[in-house]
Amino acid sequence: MENESLIEAMNRLFGGTVTTLFGAFIGRLMWHSGEVKLGNRRFFGKELLWEFPIAIGMAIIGEAAASYLGLGQPVSTGLVATLAYLGPRGAEALLSGWIGRKK
């Protein structure tokens, strides 16, 4: 446990579900903080409440995508955080581009 990463430690202490949700919430918080920095919203405004269902939804989508791609920890948590940061619209654009290349 000497060289254990943060994600590995969280998995050991709390389990994969908490780790995945943590990654999703961090991803949404990074996006929200960027909007605050641009002056588009207040940090503790009502908009922050809407980030919770988005984070949960993106955690579910991200875990499904990680499972489909055969990714293990901590890569799957990184994918979840990335997709949560992108949000539903960003994930849709990413998926559309990926499907377009496949055809």
PDB file of N, CA and C in Angstrom:
ATOM      1  N   MET A   1       0.816  -1.195   0.000  1.00  0.00           N
ATOM      2  CA  MET A   1       0.000   0.000   0.000  1.00  0.00           C
ATOM      3  C   MET A   1       0.855   1.253   0.000  1.00  0.00           C
ATOM      4  N   GLU A   2       2.136   1.041  -0.075  1.00  0.00           N
ATOM      5  CA  GLU A   2       3.075   2.152  -0.051  1.00  0.00           C
ATOM      6  C   GLU A   2       2.904   3.062  -1.264  1.00  0.00           C
ATOM      7  N   ASN A   3       2.716   2.484  -2.440  1.00  0.00           N
ATOM      8  CA  ASN A   3       2.594   3.257  -3.673  1.00  0.00           C
ATOM      9  C   ASN A   3       1.154   3.288  -4.178  1.00  0.00           C
ATOM     10  N   GLU A   4       0.203   3.258  -3.296  1.00  0.00           N
ATOM     11  CA  GLU A   4      -1.200   3.226  -3.654  1.00  0.00           C
ATOM     12  C   GLU A   4      -1.667   4.597  -4.144  1.00  0.00           C
ATOM     13  N   SER A   5      -2.395   4.607  -5.259  1.00  0.00           N
ATOM     14  CA  SER A   5      -2.908   5.870  -5.787  1.00  0.00           C
ATOM     15  C   SER A   5      -4.163   6.279  -5.016  1.00  0.00           C
ATOM     16  N   LEU A   6      -4.603   7.509  -5.234  1.00  0.00           N
ATOM     17  CA  LEU A   6      -5.815   8.010  -4.581  1.00  0.00           C
ATOM     18  C   LEU A   6      -7.014   7.149  -4.960  1.00  0.00           C
ATOM     19  N   ILE A   7      -7.149   6.812  -6.232  1.00  0.00           N
ATOM     20  CA  ILE A   7      -8.285   6.018  -6.691  1.00  0.00           C
ATOM     21  C   ILE A   7      -8.244   4.625  -6.074  1.00  0.00           C
ATOM     22  N   GLU A   8      -7.075   4.014  -6.013  1.00  0.00           N
ATOM     23  CA  GLU A   8      -6.937   2.689  -5.403  1.00  0.00           C
ATOM     24  C   GLU A   8      -7.296   2.733  -3.916  1.00  0.00           C
ATOM     25  N   ALA A   9      -6.862   3.765  -3.239  1.00  0.00           N
ATOM     26  CA  ALA A   9      -7.175   3.905  -1.816  1.00  0.00           C
ATOM     27  C   ALA A   9      -8.675   4.101  -1.602  1.00  0.00           C
ATOM     28  N   MET A  10      -9.289   4.919  -2.451  1.00  0.00           N
ATOM     29  CA  MET A  10     -10.737   5.127  -2.329  1.00  0.00           C
ATOM     30  C   MET A  10     -11.493   3.836  -2.597  1.00  0.00           C
ATOM     31  N   ASN A  11     -11.073   3.085  -3.613  1.00  0.00           N
ATOM     32  CA  ASN A  11     -11.711   1.799  -3.889  1.00  0.00           C
ATOM     33  C   ASN A  11     -11.599   0.859  -2.704  1.00  0.00           C
ATOM     34  N   ARG A  12     -10.432   0.823  -2.095  1.00  0.00           N
ATOM     35  CA  ARG A  12     -10.214  -0.062  -0.951  1.00  0.00           C
ATOM     36  C   ARG A  12     -11.072   0.360   0.239  1.00  0.00           C
ATOM     37  N   LEU A  13     -11.166   1.668   0.487  1.00  0.00           N
ATOM     38  CA  LEU A  13     -11.898   2.153   1.657  1.00  0.00           C
ATOM     39  C   LEU A  13     -13.415   2.206   1.457  1.00  0.00           C
ATOM     40  N   PHE A  14     -13.842   2.651   0.284  1.00  0.00           N
ATOM     41  CA  PHE A  14     -15.264   2.931   0.092  1.00  0.00           C
ATOM     42  C   PHE A  14     -15.938   2.047  -0.945  1.00  0.00           C
ATOM     43  N   GLY A  15     -15.165   1.453  -1.838  1.00  0.00           N
ATOM     44  CA  GLY A  15     -15.752   0.649  -2.905  1.00  0.00           C
ATOM     45  C   GLY A  15     -15.843   1.430  -4.202  1.00  0.00           C
ATOM     46  N   GLY A  16     -16.141   0.716  -5.264  1.00  0.00           N
ATOM     47  CA  GLY A  16     -16.142   1.297  -6.599  1.00  0.00           C
ATOM     48  C   GLY A  16     -17.233   2.317  -6.846  1.00  0.00           C
ATOM     49  N   THR A  17     -18.403   2.127  -6.242  1.00  0.00           N
ATOM     50  CA  THR A  17     -19.507   3.057  -6.483  1.00  0.00           C
ATOM     51  C   THR A  17     -19.178   4.455  -5.986  1.00  0.00           C
ATOM     52  N   VAL A  18     -18.671   4.533  -4.775  1.00  0.00           N
ATOM     53  CA  VAL A  18     -18.317   5.842  -4.204  1.00  0.00           C
ATOM     54  C   VAL A  18     -17.196   6.478  -5.015  1.00  0.00           C
ATOM     55  N   THR A  19     -16.232   5.669  -5.426  1.00  0.00           N
ATOM     56  CA  THR A  19     -15.114   6.191  -6.215  1.00  0.00           C
ATOM     57  C   THR A  19     -15.598   6.738  -7.545  1.00  0.00           C
ATOM     58  N   THR A  20     -16.490   6.011  -8.198  1.00  0.00           N
ATOM     59  CA  THR A  20     -17.037   6.462  -9.480  1.00  0.00           C
ATOM     60  C   THR A  20     -17.826   7.756  -9.308  1.00  0.00           C
ATOM     61  N   LEU A  21     -18.675   7.817  -8.293  1.00  0.00           N
ATOM     62  CA  LEU A  21     -19.453   9.039  -8.050  1.00  0.00           C
ATOM     63  C   LEU A  21     -18.540  10.209  -7.691  1.00  0.00           C
ATOM     64  N   PHE A  22     -17.497   9.948  -6.931  1.00  0.00           N
ATOM     65  CA  PHE A  22     -16.530  10.997  -6.599  1.00  0.00           C
ATOM     66  C   PHE A  22     -15.911  11.562  -7.870  1.00  0.00           C
ATOM     67  N   GLY A  23     -15.489  10.672  -8.771  1.00  0.00           N
ATOM     68  CA  GLY A  23     -14.922  11.122 -10.042  1.00  0.00           C
ATOM     69  C   GLY A  23     -15.896  11.958 -10.841  1.00  0.00           C
ATOM     70  N   ALA A  24     -17.159  11.527 -10.867  1.00  0.00           N
ATOM     71  CA  ALA A  24     -18.183  12.275 -11.613  1.00  0.00           C
ATOM     72  C   ALA A  24     -18.427  13.644 -10.990  1.00  0.00           C
ATOM     73  N   PHE A  25     -18.515  13.697  -9.664  1.00  0.00           N
ATOM     74  CA  PHE A  25     -18.743  14.981  -9.006  1.00  0.00           C
ATOM     75  C   PHE A  25     -17.560  15.925  -9.186  1.00  0.00           C
ATOM     76  N   ILE A  26     -16.350  15.393  -9.159  1.00  0.00           N
ATOM     77  CA  ILE A  26     -15.169  16.229  -9.396  1.00  0.00           C
ATOM     78  C   ILE A  26     -15.183  16.772 -10.822  1.00  0.00           C
ATOM     79  N   GLY A  27     -15.541  15.937 -11.787  1.00  0.00           N
ATOM     80  CA  GLY A  27     -15.636  16.386 -13.179  1.00  0.00           C
ATOM     81  C   GLY A  27     -16.628  17.527 -13.344  1.00  0.00           C
ATOM     82  N   ARG A  28     -17.817  17.378 -12.740  1.00  0.00           N
ATOM     83  CA  ARG A  28     -18.822  18.439 -12.842  1.00  0.00           C
ATOM     84  C   ARG A  28     -18.380  19.688 -12.088  1.00  0.00           C
ATOM     85  N   LEU A  29     -17.699  19.507 -10.952  1.00  0.00           N
ATOM     86  CA  LEU A  29     -17.215  20.655 -10.184  1.00  0.00           C
ATOM     87  C   LEU A  29     -16.162  21.429 -10.968  1.00  0.00           C
ATOM     88  N   MET A  30     -15.326  20.728 -11.715  1.00  0.00           N
ATOM     89  CA  MET A  30     -14.330  21.416 -12.551  1.00  0.00           C
ATOM     90  C   MET A  30     -15.031  22.250 -13.614  1.00  0.00           C
ATOM     91  N   TRP A  31     -16.062  21.689 -14.253  1.00  0.00           N
ATOM     92  CA  TRP A  31     -16.785  22.430 -15.280  1.00  0.00           C
ATOM     93  C   TRP A  31     -17.501  23.634 -14.656  1.00  0.00           C
ATOM     94  N   HIS A  32     -18.172  23.404 -13.527  1.00  0.00           N
ATOM     95  CA  HIS A  32     -18.892  24.472 -12.833  1.00  0.00           C
ATOM     96  C   HIS A  32     -17.931  25.590 -12.418  1.00  0.00           C
ATOM     97  N   SER A  33     -16.757  25.226 -11.923  1.00  0.00           N
ATOM     98  CA  SER A  33     -15.766  26.227 -11.514  1.00  0.00           C
ATOM     99  C   SER A  33     -15.308  27.074 -12.694  1.00  0.00           C
ATOM    100  N   GLY A  34     -15.179  26.454 -13.857  1.00  0.00           N
ATOM    101  CA  GLY A  34     -14.840  27.208 -15.061  1.00  0.00           C
ATOM    102  C   GLY A  34     -15.912  28.223 -15.422  1.00  0.00           C
ATOM    103  N   GLU A  35     -17.170  27.830 -15.267  1.00  0.00           N
ATOM    104  CA  GLU A  35     -18.275  28.760 -15.530  1.00  0.00           C
ATOM    105  C   GLU A  35     -18.275  29.902 -14.518  1.00  0.00           C
ATOM    106  N   VAL A  36     -17.952  29.605 -13.270  1.00  0.00           N
ATOM    107  CA  VAL A  36     -17.853  30.646 -12.239  1.00  0.00           C
ATOM    108  C   VAL A  36     -16.730  31.619 -12.594  1.00  0.00           C
ATOM    109  N   LYS A  37     -15.601  31.075 -13.004  1.00  0.00           N
ATOM    110  CA  LYS A  37     -14.449  31.913 -13.363  1.00  0.00           C
ATOM    111  C   LYS A  37     -14.778  32.838 -14.529  1.00  0.00           C
ATOM    112  N   LEU A  38     -15.589  32.347 -15.486  1.00  0.00           N
ATOM    113  CA  LEU A  38     -15.991  33.175 -16.625  1.00  0.00           C
ATOM    114  C   LEU A  38     -17.071  34.193 -16.266  1.00  0.00           C
ATOM    115  N   GLY A  39     -17.625  34.080 -15.054  1.00  0.00           N
ATOM    116  CA  GLY A  39     -18.667  35.001 -14.616  1.00  0.00           C
ATOM    117  C   GLY A  39     -20.063  34.609 -15.082  1.00  0.00           C
ATOM    118  N   ASN A  40     -20.225  33.380 -15.558  1.00  0.00           N
ATOM    119  CA  ASN A  40     -21.526  32.934 -16.044  1.00  0.00           C
ATOM    120  C   ASN A  40     -22.455  32.459 -14.941  1.00  0.00           C
ATOM    121  N   ARG A  41     -21.918  32.181 -13.761  1.00  0.00           N
ATOM    122  CA  ARG A  41     -22.735  31.746 -12.632  1.00  0.00           C
ATOM    123  C   ARG A  41     -21.993  31.983 -11.328  1.00  0.00           C
ATOM    124  N   ARG A  42     -22.759  31.985 -10.242  1.00  0.00           N
ATOM    125  CA  ARG A  42     -22.172  32.095  -8.907  1.00  0.00           C
ATOM    126  C   ARG A  42     -21.794  30.693  -8.437  1.00  0.00           C
ATOM    127  N   PHE A  43     -20.783  30.599  -7.586  1.00  0.00           N
ATOM    128  CA  PHE A  43     -20.350  29.268  -7.150  1.00  0.00           C
ATOM    129  C   PHE A  43     -21.439  28.552  -6.366  1.00  0.00           C
ATOM    130  N   PHE A  44     -22.062  29.225  -5.419  1.00  0.00           N
ATOM    131  CA  PHE A  44     -23.103  28.598  -4.604  1.00  0.00           C
ATOM    132  C   PHE A  44     -24.491  29.002  -5.068  1.00  0.00           C
ATOM    133  N   GLY A  45     -24.679  29.127  -6.361  1.00  0.00           N
ATOM    134  CA  GLY A  45     -25.987  29.457  -6.909  1.00  0.00           C
ATOM    135  C   GLY A  45     -26.849  28.216  -7.078  1.00  0.00           C
ATOM    136  N   LYS A  46     -28.099  28.438  -7.472  1.00  0.00           N
ATOM    137  CA  LYS A  46     -29.035  27.325  -7.661  1.00  0.00           C
ATOM    138  C   LYS A  46     -28.582  26.392  -8.791  1.00  0.00           C
ATOM    139  N   GLU A  47     -27.752  26.896  -9.695  1.00  0.00           N
ATOM    140  CA  GLU A  47     -27.260  26.060 -10.796  1.00  0.00           C
ATOM    141  C   GLU A  47     -26.436  24.890 -10.300  1.00  0.00           C
ATOM    142  N   LEU A  48     -25.802  25.057  -9.150  1.00  0.00           N
ATOM    143  CA  LEU A  48     -24.979  23.995  -8.589  1.00  0.00           C
ATOM    144  C   LEU A  48     -25.817  22.753  -8.280  1.00  0.00           C
ATOM    145  N   LEU A  49     -27.073  22.941  -7.897  1.00  0.00           N
ATOM    146  CA  LEU A  49     -27.951  21.803  -7.603  1.00  0.00           C
ATOM    147  C   LEU A  49     -28.210  20.941  -8.838  1.00  0.00           C
ATOM    148  N   TRP A  50     -28.245  21.556 -10.013  1.00  0.00           N
ATOM    149  CA  TRP A  50     -28.487  20.801 -11.241  1.00  0.00           C
ATOM    150  C   TRP A  50     -27.298  19.948 -11.640  1.00  0.00           C
ATOM    151  N   GLU A  51     -26.155  20.203 -11.048  1.00  0.00           N
ATOM    152  CA  GLU A  51     -24.974  19.410 -11.376  1.00  0.00           C
ATOM    153  C   GLU A  51     -25.033  18.014 -10.763  1.00  0.00           C
ATOM    154  N   PHE A  52     -25.793  17.820  -9.693  1.00  0.00           N
ATOM    155  CA  PHE A  52     -25.873  16.513  -9.043  1.00  0.00           C
ATOM    156  C   PHE A  52     -26.505  15.441  -9.937  1.00  0.00           C
ATOM    157  N   PRO A  53     -27.680  15.668 -10.514  1.00  0.00           N
ATOM    158  CA  PRO A  53     -28.223  14.618 -11.395  1.00  0.00           C
ATOM    159  C   PRO A  53     -27.369  14.399 -12.642  1.00  0.00           C
ATOM    160  N   ILE A  54     -26.745  15.453 -13.136  1.00  0.00           N
ATOM    161  CA  ILE A  54     -25.865  15.294 -14.298  1.00  0.00           C
ATOM    162  C   ILE A  54     -24.674  14.419 -13.922  1.00  0.00           C
ATOM    163  N   ALA A  55     -24.090  14.665 -12.748  1.00  0.00           N
ATOM    164  CA  ALA A  55     -22.941  13.868 -12.308  1.00  0.00           C
ATOM    165  C   ALA A  55     -23.329  12.404 -12.142  1.00  0.00           C
ATOM    166  N   ILE A  56     -24.483  12.138 -11.568  1.00  0.00           N
ATOM    167  CA  ILE A  56     -24.922  10.751 -11.376  1.00  0.00           C
ATOM    168  C   ILE A  56     -25.170  10.083 -12.721  1.00  0.00           C
ATOM    169  N   GLY A  57     -25.845  10.773 -13.616  1.00  0.00           N
ATOM    170  CA  GLY A  57     -26.090  10.226 -14.948  1.00  0.00           C
ATOM    171  C   GLY A  57     -24.810   9.965 -15.712  1.00  0.00           C
ATOM    172  N   MET A  58     -23.872  10.881 -15.635  1.00  0.00           N
ATOM    173  CA  MET A  58     -22.606  10.705 -16.339  1.00  0.00           C
ATOM    174  C   MET A  58     -21.772   9.595 -15.701  1.00  0.00           C
ATOM    175  N   ALA A  59     -21.934   9.382 -14.390  1.00  0.00           N
ATOM    176  CA  ALA A  59     -21.246   8.263 -13.736  1.00  0.00           C
ATOM    177  C   ALA A  59     -21.756   6.934 -14.290  1.00  0.00           C
ATOM    178  N   ILE A  60     -23.061   6.834 -14.473  1.00  0.00           N
ATOM    179  CA  ILE A  60     -23.651   5.610 -15.019  1.00  0.00           C
ATOM    180  C   ILE A  60     -23.187   5.397 -16.457  1.00  0.00           C
ATOM    181  N   ILE A  61     -23.245   6.442 -17.258  1.00  0.00           N
ATOM    182  CA  ILE A  61     -22.811   6.349 -18.655  1.00  0.00           C
ATOM    183  C   ILE A  61     -21.322   6.032 -18.732  1.00  0.00           C
ATOM    184  N   GLY A  62     -20.524   6.696 -17.916  1.00  0.00           N
ATOM    185  CA  GLY A  62     -19.081   6.473 -17.922  1.00  0.00           C
ATOM    186  C   GLY A  62     -18.703   5.066 -17.509  1.00  0.00           C
ATOM    187  N   GLU A  63     -19.367   4.522 -16.499  1.00  0.00           N
ATOM    188  CA  GLU A  63     -19.085   3.146 -16.080  1.00  0.00           C
ATOM    189  C   GLU A  63     -19.474   2.160 -17.166  1.00  0.00           C
ATOM    190  N   ALA A  64     -20.591   2.425 -17.845  1.00  0.00           N
ATOM    191  CA  ALA A  64     -21.001   1.551 -18.951  1.00  0.00           C
ATOM    192  C   ALA A  64     -19.972   1.597 -20.080  1.00  0.00           C
ATOM    193  N   ALA A  65     -19.503   2.800 -20.405  1.00  0.00           N
ATOM    194  CA  ALA A  65     -18.503   2.945 -21.466  1.00  0.00           C
ATOM    195  C   ALA A  65     -17.194   2.265 -21.066  1.00  0.00           C
ATOM    196  N   ALA A  66     -16.785   2.421 -19.811  1.00  0.00           N
ATOM    197  CA  ALA A  66     -15.552   1.790 -19.333  1.00  0.00           C
ATOM    198  C   ALA A  66     -15.667   0.272 -19.372  1.00  0.00           C
ATOM    199  N   SER A  67     -16.827  -0.246 -19.014  1.00  0.00           N
ATOM    200  CA  SER A  67     -17.053  -1.686 -19.071  1.00  0.00           C
ATOM    201  C   SER A  67     -17.009  -2.185 -20.507  1.00  0.00           C
ATOM    202  N   TYR A  68     -17.645  -1.446 -21.405  1.00  0.00           N
ATOM    203  CA  TYR A  68     -17.649  -1.810 -22.825  1.00  0.00           C
ATOM    204  C   TYR A  68     -16.228  -1.839 -23.394  1.00  0.00           C
ATOM    205  N   LEU A  69     -15.422  -0.866 -22.989  1.00  0.00           N
ATOM    206  CA  LEU A  69     -14.048  -0.772 -23.479  1.00  0.00           C
ATOM    207  C   LEU A  69     -13.087  -1.693 -22.721  1.00  0.00           C
ATOM    208  N   GLY A  70     -13.571  -2.323 -21.662  1.00  0.00           N
ATOM    209  CA  GLY A  70     -12.732  -3.227 -20.880  1.00  0.00           C
ATOM    210  C   GLY A  70     -11.708  -2.525 -20.016  1.00  0.00           C
ATOM    211  N   LEU A  71     -12.028  -1.326 -19.556  1.00  0.00           N
ATOM    212  CA  LEU A  71     -11.095  -0.545 -18.741  1.00  0.00           C
ATOM    213  C   LEU A  71     -11.230  -0.920 -17.272  1.00  0.00           C
ATOM    214  N   GLY A  72     -10.120  -1.003 -16.582  1.00  0.00           N
ATOM    215  CA  GLY A  72     -10.122  -1.251 -15.145  1.00  0.00           C
ATOM    216  C   GLY A  72      -9.868   0.035 -14.391  1.00  0.00           C
ATOM    217  N   GLN A  73      -9.750  -0.100 -13.074  1.00  0.00           N
ATOM    218  CA  GLN A  73      -9.444   1.045 -12.235  1.00  0.00           C
ATOM    219  C   GLN A  73      -7.955   1.341 -12.340  1.00  0.00           C
ATOM    220  N   PRO A  74      -7.497   2.523 -12.265  1.00  0.00           N
ATOM    221  CA  PRO A  74      -8.197   3.786 -12.084  1.00  0.00           C
ATOM    222  C   PRO A  74      -8.627   4.441 -13.396  1.00  0.00           C
ATOM    223  N   VAL A  75      -8.388   3.779 -14.521  1.00  0.00           N
ATOM    224  CA  VAL A  75      -8.709   4.375 -15.823  1.00  0.00           C
ATOM    225  C   VAL A  75     -10.202   4.618 -15.970  1.00  0.00           C
ATOM    226  N   SER A  76     -11.015   3.703 -15.465  1.00  0.00           N
ATOM    227  CA  SER A  76     -12.464   3.892 -15.600  1.00  0.00           C
ATOM    228  C   SER A  76     -12.938   5.122 -14.827  1.00  0.00           C
ATOM    229  N   THR A  77     -12.345   5.380 -13.671  1.00  0.00           N
ATOM    230  CA  THR A  77     -12.715   6.576 -12.910  1.00  0.00           C
ATOM    231  C   THR A  77     -12.282   7.829 -13.657  1.00  0.00           C
ATOM    232  N   GLY A  78     -11.137   7.778 -14.312  1.00  0.00           N
ATOM    233  CA  GLY A  78     -10.700   8.911 -15.141  1.00  0.00           C
ATOM    234  C   GLY A  78     -11.640   9.155 -16.297  1.00  0.00           C
ATOM    235  N   LEU A  79     -12.132   8.081 -16.921  1.00  0.00           N
ATOM    236  CA  LEU A  79     -13.106   8.231 -18.008  1.00  0.00           C
ATOM    237  C   LEU A  79     -14.397   8.838 -17.493  1.00  0.00           C
ATOM    238  N   VAL A  80     -14.848   8.387 -16.339  1.00  0.00           N
ATOM    239  CA  VAL A  80     -16.068   8.937 -15.736  1.00  0.00           C
ATOM    240  C   VAL A  80     -15.902  10.423 -15.461  1.00  0.00           C
ATOM    241  N   ALA A  81     -14.785  10.813 -14.865  1.00  0.00           N
ATOM    242  CA  ALA A  81     -14.533  12.229 -14.566  1.00  0.00           C
ATOM    243  C   ALA A  81     -14.484  13.061 -15.844  1.00  0.00           C
ATOM    244  N   THR A  82     -13.862  12.516 -16.880  1.00  0.00           N
ATOM    245  CA  THR A  82     -13.779  13.232 -18.156  1.00  0.00           C
ATOM    246  C   THR A  82     -15.152  13.413 -18.776  1.00  0.00           C
ATOM    247  N   LEU A  83     -15.942  12.344 -18.802  1.00  0.00           N
ATOM    248  CA  LEU A  83     -17.286  12.445 -19.369  1.00  0.00           C
ATOM    249  C   LEU A  83     -18.176  13.368 -18.538  1.00  0.00           C
ATOM    250  N   ALA A  84     -18.012  13.332 -17.209  1.00  0.00           N
ATOM    251  CA  ALA A  84     -18.786  14.235 -16.353  1.00  0.00           C
ATOM    252  C   ALA A  84     -18.413  15.683 -16.622  1.00  0.00           C
ATOM    253  N   TYR A  85     -17.130  15.935 -16.838  1.00  0.00           N
ATOM    254  CA  TYR A  85     -16.685  17.285 -17.170  1.00  0.00           C
ATOM    255  C   TYR A  85     -17.318  17.738 -18.485  1.00  0.00           C
ATOM    256  N   LEU A  86     -17.337  16.853 -19.473  1.00  0.00           N
ATOM    257  CA  LEU A  86     -17.924  17.191 -20.772  1.00  0.00           C
ATOM    258  C   LEU A  86     -19.433  17.376 -20.683  1.00  0.00           C
ATOM    259  N   GLY A  87     -20.073  16.622 -19.800  1.00  0.00           N
ATOM    260  CA  GLY A  87     -21.512  16.695 -19.649  1.00  0.00           C
ATOM    261  C   GLY A  87     -22.228  15.973 -20.781  1.00  0.00           C
ATOM    262  N   PRO A  88     -23.554  15.963 -20.733  1.00  0.00           N
ATOM    263  CA  PRO A  88     -24.323  15.245 -21.746  1.00  0.00           C
ATOM    264  C   PRO A  88     -24.079  15.730 -23.169  1.00  0.00           C
ATOM    265  N   ARG A  89     -24.009  17.028 -23.366  1.00  0.00           N
ATOM    266  CA  ARG A  89     -23.796  17.552 -24.727  1.00  0.00           C
ATOM    267  C   ARG A  89     -22.395  17.230 -25.243  1.00  0.00           C
ATOM    268  N   GLY A  90     -21.413  17.379 -24.398  1.00  0.00           N
ATOM    269  CA  GLY A  90     -20.045  17.060 -24.795  1.00  0.00           C
ATOM    270  C   GLY A  90     -19.870  15.576 -25.071  1.00  0.00           C
ATOM    271  N   ALA A  91     -20.486  14.740 -24.239  1.00  0.00           N
ATOM    272  CA  ALA A  91     -20.407  13.296 -24.459  1.00  0.00           C
ATOM    273  C   ALA A  91     -21.108  12.909 -25.755  1.00  0.00           C
ATOM    274  N   GLU A  92     -22.220  13.561 -26.041  1.00  0.00           N
ATOM    275  CA  GLU A  92     -22.939  13.296 -27.297  1.00  0.00           C
ATOM    276  C   GLU A  92     -22.071  13.673 -28.498  1.00  0.00           C
ATOM    277  N   ALA A  93     -21.419  14.805 -28.436  1.00  0.00           N
ATOM    278  CA  ALA A  93     -20.541  15.230 -29.534  1.00  0.00           C
ATOM    279  C   ALA A  93     -19.368  14.266 -29.694  1.00  0.00           C
ATOM    280  N   LEU A  94     -18.797  13.836 -28.590  1.00  0.00           N
ATOM    281  CA  LEU A  94     -17.693  12.880 -28.627  1.00  0.00           C
ATOM    282  C   LEU A  94     -18.137  11.554 -29.236  1.00  0.00           C
ATOM    283  N   LEU A  95     -19.288  11.068 -28.796  1.00  0.00           N
ATOM    284  CA  LEU A  95     -19.817   9.799 -29.304  1.00  0.00           C
ATOM    285  C   LEU A  95     -20.178   9.900 -30.782  1.00  0.00           C
ATOM    286  N   SER A  96     -20.762  11.005 -31.192  1.00  0.00           N
ATOM    287  CA  SER A  96     -21.111  11.201 -32.604  1.00  0.00           C
ATOM    288  C   SER A  96     -19.865  11.185 -33.474  1.00  0.00           C
ATOM    289  N   GLY A  97     -18.825  11.848 -33.025  1.00  0.00           N
ATOM    290  CA  GLY A  97     -17.567  11.855 -33.773  1.00  0.00           C
ATOM    291  C   GLY A  97     -16.952  10.478 -33.861  1.00  0.00           C
ATOM    292  N   TRP A  98     -17.022   9.712 -32.762  1.00  0.00           N
ATOM    293  CA  TRP A  98     -16.463   8.370 -32.736  1.00  0.00           C
ATOM    294  C   TRP A  98     -17.240   7.434 -33.659  1.00  0.00           C
ATOM    295  N   ILE A  99     -18.563   7.525 -33.630  1.00  0.00           N
ATOM    296  CA  ILE A  99     -19.395   6.687 -34.498  1.00  0.00           C
ATOM    297  C   ILE A  99     -19.187   7.085 -35.965  1.00  0.00           C
ATOM    298  N   GLY A 100     -19.038   8.380 -36.218  1.00  0.00           N
ATOM    299  CA  GLY A 100     -18.805   8.850 -37.592  1.00  0.00           C
ATOM    300  C   GLY A 100     -17.512   8.313 -38.174  1.00  0.00           C
ATOM    301  N   ARG A 101     -16.481   8.177 -37.345  1.00  0.00           N
ATOM    302  CA  ARG A 101     -15.211   7.617 -37.815  1.00  0.00           C
ATOM    303  C   ARG A 101     -15.307   6.134 -38.078  1.00  0.00           C
ATOM    304  N   LYS A 102     -16.162   5.448 -37.324  1.00  0.00           N
ATOM    305  CA  LYS A 102     -16.306   4.001 -37.461  1.00  0.00           C
ATOM    306  C   LYS A 102     -16.969   3.608 -38.785  1.00  0.00           C
ATOM    307  N   LYS A 103     -17.809   4.493 -39.327  1.00  0.00           N
ATOM    308  CA  LYS A 103     -18.566   4.163 -40.533  1.00  0.00           C
ATOM    309  C   LYS A 103     -17.750   4.296 -41.784  1.00  0.00           C
TER     310      LYS A 103
END
